[in-house]
C-alpha atoms as a PDB file:
ATOM      1  CA  ILE A   1      -4.618   5.164  -8.535  1.00  0.00           C
ATOM      2  CA  ARG A   2      -2.001   2.824  -7.750  1.00  0.00           C
ATOM      3  CA  ASP A   3      -2.763  -0.652  -6.517  1.00  0.00           C
ATOM      4  CA  ILE A   4      -0.578  -2.746  -4.142  1.00  0.00           C
ATOM      5  CA  ALA A   5      -0.505  -6.187  -2.554  1.00  0.00           C
ATOM      6  CA  LEU A   6       1.632  -7.050   0.289  1.00  0.00           C
ATOM      7  CA  VAL A   7       2.527 -10.391   2.019  1.00  0.00           C
ATOM      8  CA  VAL A   8       2.711  -9.922   5.399  1.00  0.00           C
ATOM      9  CA  ASP A   9       2.152 -11.752   8.715  1.00  0.00           C
ATOM     10  CA  SER A  10      -1.714 -13.665   8.858  1.00  0.00           C
ATOM     11  CA  ASP A  11      -2.072 -11.268  11.840  1.00  0.00           C
ATOM     12  CA  CYS A  12      -0.870  -8.088  11.082  1.00  0.00           C
ATOM     13  CA  PRO A  13      -4.337  -6.084  10.625  1.00  0.00           C
ATOM     14  CA  ALA A  14      -5.406  -4.210   6.937  1.00  0.00           C
ATOM     15  CA  GLY A  15      -6.036  -1.095   9.280  1.00  0.00           C
ATOM     16  CA  ARG A  16      -2.146  -0.775  10.426  1.00  0.00           C
ATOM     17  CA  ILE A  17      -1.110  -0.425   6.692  1.00  0.00           C
ATOM     18  CA  ILE A  18      -3.682   1.925   5.985  1.00  0.00           C
ATOM     19  CA  ASP A  19      -2.500   3.928   8.873  1.00  0.00           C
ATOM     20  CA  LEU A  20       1.320   3.491   7.602  1.00  0.00           C
ATOM     21  CA  ILE A  21       0.287   4.661   3.712  1.00  0.00           C
ATOM     22  CA  THR A  22      -1.960   7.469   5.203  1.00  0.00           C
ATOM     23  CA  ASN A  23       0.409   8.811   7.690  1.00  0.00           C
ATOM     24  CA  VAL A  24       3.061   9.755   4.503  1.00  0.00           C
ATOM     25  CA  GLU A  25       3.842  13.602   4.747  1.00  0.00           C
ATOM     26  CA  THR A  26       2.049  14.099   1.300  1.00  0.00           C
ATOM     27  CA  ASN A  27      -1.543  16.557   1.107  1.00  0.00           C
ATOM     28  CA  LEU A  28      -1.891  13.761  -1.895  1.00  0.00           C
ATOM     29  CA  ILE A  29      -3.295  10.991  -0.852  1.00  0.00           C
ATOM     30  CA  ARG A  30      -7.282  10.600  -0.906  1.00  0.00           C
ATOM     31  CA  SER A  31      -7.962   7.474   0.413  1.00  0.00           C
ATOM     32  CA  VAL A  32      -7.077   4.003   1.101  1.00  0.00           C
ATOM     33  CA  LYS A  33      -8.849   0.726   0.531  1.00  0.00           C
ATOM     34  CA  VAL A  34      -8.540  -2.743   1.082  1.00  0.00           C
ATOM     35  CA  PHE A  35      -9.732  -4.370  -2.218  1.00  0.00           C
ATOM     36  CA  ASP A  36      -8.179  -7.946  -1.824  1.00  0.00           C
ATOM     37  CA  ILE A  37      -7.113  -9.986   0.719  1.00  0.00           C
ATOM     38  CA  PHE A  38      -5.861 -13.778  -0.069  1.00  0.00           C
ATOM     39  CA  LYS A  39      -4.505 -16.586   2.289  1.00  0.00           C
ATOM     40  CA  GLY A  40      -3.507 -20.270   1.338  1.00  0.00           C
ATOM     41  CA  GLY A  41      -2.610 -20.998  -2.289  1.00  0.00           C
ATOM     42  CA  LYS A  42       1.266 -20.779  -2.600  1.00  0.00           C
ATOM     43  CA  LEU A  43       1.570 -18.287   0.607  1.00  0.00           C
ATOM     44  CA  PRO A  44       3.104 -19.770   3.730  1.00  0.00           C
ATOM     45  CA  GLU A  45       0.346 -20.906   6.718  1.00  0.00           C
ATOM     46  CA  ASN A  46       1.513 -17.755   8.811  1.00  0.00           C
ATOM     47  CA  LYS A  47       0.698 -15.017   5.573  1.00  0.00           C
ATOM     48  CA  LYS A  48      -1.642 -13.803   3.798  1.00  0.00           C
ATOM     49  CA  SER A  49      -1.722 -11.257   0.934  1.00  0.00           C
ATOM     50  CA  VAL A  50      -3.962  -7.806   1.408  1.00  0.00           C
ATOM     51  CA  ALA A  51      -4.329  -5.461  -1.910  1.00  0.00           C
ATOM     52  CA  PHE A  52      -4.695  -1.829  -1.661  1.00  0.00           C
ATOM     53  CA  ARG A  53      -5.930   0.591  -4.125  1.00  0.00           C
ATOM     54  CA  ILE A  54      -4.679   4.334  -3.206  1.00  0.00           C
ATOM     55  CA  CYS A  55      -6.028   7.156  -4.777  1.00  0.00           C
ATOM     56  CA  PHE A  56      -3.737  10.454  -5.298  1.00  0.00           C
ATOM     57  CA  ARG A  57      -5.232  13.640  -6.067  1.00  0.00           C
ATOM     58  CA  SER A  58      -4.493  17.577  -6.193  1.00  0.00           C
ATOM     59  CA  ASP A  59      -6.975  20.242  -5.776  1.00  0.00           C
ATOM     60  CA  GLU A  60      -4.612  22.278  -7.400  1.00  0.00           C
ATOM     61  CA  ARG A  61      -3.167  20.731 -10.729  1.00  0.00           C
ATOM     62  CA  THR A  62      -2.907  17.874 -12.336  1.00  0.00           C
ATOM     63  CA  LEU A  63      -0.370  15.132 -10.893  1.00  0.00           C
ATOM     64  CA  THR A  64       2.303  13.950 -13.081  1.00  0.00           C
ATOM     65  CA  ASP A  65       3.130   9.838 -13.667  1.00  0.00           C
ATOM     66  CA  ALA A  66       6.522  10.586 -12.453  1.00  0.00           C
ATOM     67  CA  GLU A  67       5.288  12.336  -9.095  1.00  0.00           C
ATOM     68  CA  VAL A  68       2.915   9.563  -8.275  1.00  0.00           C
ATOM     69  CA  GLY A  69       5.552   7.493  -8.848  1.00  0.00           C
ATOM     70  CA  GLU A  70       8.068   9.186  -6.302  1.00  0.00           C
ATOM     71  CA  LEU A  71       5.277   9.108  -4.077  1.00  0.00           C
ATOM     72  CA  HIS A  72       4.807   5.337  -4.194  1.00  0.00           C
ATOM     73  CA  GLY A  73       8.220   4.256  -3.749  1.00  0.00           C
ATOM     74  CA  LYS A  74       8.156   6.339  -0.632  1.00  0.00           C
ATOM     75  CA  ILE A  75       5.271   4.132   0.595  1.00  0.00           C
ATOM     76  CA  VAL A  76       7.007   1.192  -0.914  1.00  0.00           C
ATOM     77  CA  LYS A  77       9.954   1.707   1.267  1.00  0.00           C
ATOM     78  CA  LEU A  78       7.817   2.606   4.138  1.00  0.00           C
ATOM     79  CA  LEU A  79       6.122  -0.552   4.329  1.00  0.00           C
ATOM     80  CA  ARG A  80       9.071  -2.867   3.969  1.00  0.00           C
ATOM     81  CA  ASP A  81      10.863  -0.738   6.374  1.00  0.00           C
ATOM     82  CA  GLU A  82       7.873  -0.871   8.377  1.00  0.00           C
ATOM     83  CA  LEU A  83       6.022  -4.296   8.389  1.00  0.00           C
ATOM     84  CA  ARG A  84       9.469  -6.127   6.955  1.00  0.00           C
ATOM     85  CA  CYS A  85       6.651  -7.423   4.427  1.00  0.00           C
ATOM     86  CA  ASP A  86       6.795  -8.632   0.260  1.00  0.00           C
ATOM     87  CA  ILE A  87       5.866  -6.084  -1.861  1.00  0.00           C
ATOM     88  CA  ARG A  88       3.781  -7.255  -4.971  1.00  0.00           C
ATOM     89  CA  GLU A  89       3.197  -4.219  -7.357  1.00  0.00           C
ATOM     90  CA  MET A  90       0.239  -4.758  -9.022  1.00  0.00           C
END
């Protein structure tokens, strides 16, 4: 399990982000769930923070931390490229 928080435009739907994550070419992502949405505080008025929990699993073997780290890195790059968002690793 890896958690990730993104600072995105307020009008960016969480469903779009979930779709981007789940469409990464792998069969190791089992679930992606939103566990926190935050507006206000030090965030600009037109931004929000959305936190996700990503569950990785293989039915055939135990995943290594390196494998999950590499896949998580691909997800981070994709989200930055597609959404032009800031990533807040957790």
